[in-house]
Protein backbone atom coordinates (compact mmCIF):
# COMPACT_ATOMS: atom_id res chain seq x y z
CA ALA A 1 3.27 17.77 22.89
CA ALA A 2 5.95 16.87 20.34
CA PHE A 3 5.92 13.25 21.47
CA ARG A 4 2.13 13.14 21.11
CA ARG A 5 2.35 14.50 17.55
CA GLU A 6 4.96 11.87 16.70
CA PHE A 7 2.76 9.18 18.20
CA LEU A 8 -0.19 10.40 16.09
CA ALA A 9 1.98 10.17 12.97
CA TRP A 10 2.88 6.56 13.86
CA ALA A 11 -0.79 5.77 14.43
CA SER A 12 -1.71 7.26 11.06
CA GLU A 13 0.96 5.20 9.27
CA LEU A 14 -0.20 2.09 11.09
CA LYS A 15 -3.82 2.71 10.07
CA ASP A 16 -2.80 3.04 6.41
CA THR A 17 -0.81 -0.19 6.66
CA VAL A 18 -3.69 -2.06 8.30
CA ASP A 19 -6.12 -0.82 5.63
CA GLU A 20 -3.80 -1.94 2.84
CA PHE A 21 -3.13 -5.37 4.32
CA ALA A 22 -6.82 -5.87 5.15
CA ALA A 23 -7.71 -5.29 1.50
CA LEU A 24 -5.12 -7.86 0.45
CA ALA A 25 -6.29 -10.33 3.08
CA GLU A 26 -9.91 -10.03 1.94
CA ALA A 27 -9.06 -10.40 -1.75
CA GLU A 28 -9.20 -13.71 -3.55
CA ALA A 29 -5.96 -15.22 -4.76
CA ALA A 30 -4.96 -14.52 -8.34
CA THR A 31 -6.07 -16.72 -11.20
CA ASP A 32 -4.08 -17.09 -14.40
CA ASP A 33 -5.13 -13.75 -15.82
CA GLU A 34 -6.70 -11.56 -13.12
CA ASP A 35 -7.05 -10.96 -9.40
CA ASP A 36 -9.44 -9.20 -7.01
CA VAL A 37 -7.29 -6.15 -6.21
CA ASP A 38 -6.57 -3.73 -9.03
CA ASP A 39 -3.34 -1.91 -8.35
CA GLU A 40 -1.34 0.54 -10.40
CA PHE A 41 1.30 -2.09 -11.13
CA GLY A 42 -1.10 -4.54 -12.72
CA GLY A 43 0.46 -7.60 -11.14
CA LEU A 44 -1.24 -10.85 -10.25
CA ASP A 45 0.23 -11.01 -6.76
CA ASP A 46 -2.23 -8.67 -5.09
CA ALA A 47 -3.72 -11.26 -2.74
CA TYR A 48 -2.43 -13.92 -0.41
CA SER A 49 -2.50 -17.54 -1.52
CA LYS A 50 -4.60 -20.01 0.44
CA GLU A 51 -1.42 -21.32 2.06
CA HIS A 52 -0.33 -17.87 3.22
CA LYS A 53 -3.76 -16.54 4.23
CA PRO A 54 -3.64 -17.82 7.87
CA ALA A 55 -0.28 -16.12 8.42
CA ALA A 56 -1.52 -12.92 6.79
CA ASP A 57 -4.62 -12.92 9.00
CA ALA A 58 -2.47 -13.43 12.10
CA CYS A 59 -0.15 -10.57 11.13
CA LEU A 60 -3.14 -8.33 10.50
CA ALA A 61 -4.51 -9.20 13.94
CA CYS A 62 -1.14 -8.29 15.49
CA LEU A 63 -1.13 -4.93 13.69
CA ARG A 64 -4.62 -4.24 15.02
CA ILE A 65 -3.42 -5.01 18.56
CA VAL A 66 -0.57 -2.53 18.09
CA GLY A 67 -3.14 0.02 16.94
CA ALA A 68 -5.21 -0.55 20.06
CA SER A 69 -2.06 -0.13 22.15
CA TYR A 70 -1.33 3.18 20.39
CA LYS A 71 -4.85 4.32 21.20
CA ASP A 72 -4.46 3.37 24.86
CA ALA A 73 -1.12 5.18 25.04
CA LEU A 74 -2.64 8.33 23.51
CA LEU A 75 -5.53 8.21 25.96
CA ALA A 76 -3.06 7.86 28.84
CA MET A 77 -1.05 10.84 27.55
CA ASP A 78 -4.23 12.92 27.33
CA ALA A 79 -5.29 11.93 30.82
CA ASP A 80 -1.87 12.78 32.20
CA GLY A 81 -1.89 16.19 30.55
């Protein structure tokens, strides 16, 4: 049961990370004075540049695969009792 709780915590952290990176991946790159994502730091680096977008999308896809693996592992734990 303790391992399952730890796994759920990992899954929750992963979901937060995926949500954050997805917002950045969907945002438009910064212009000289503003960008699409408004964060508390007010920086202009809140989105990936066009050159980095393919790598960011690939990393996001990998994180989603890890999330699916977590889900499968949790389902297997539940089935095993």
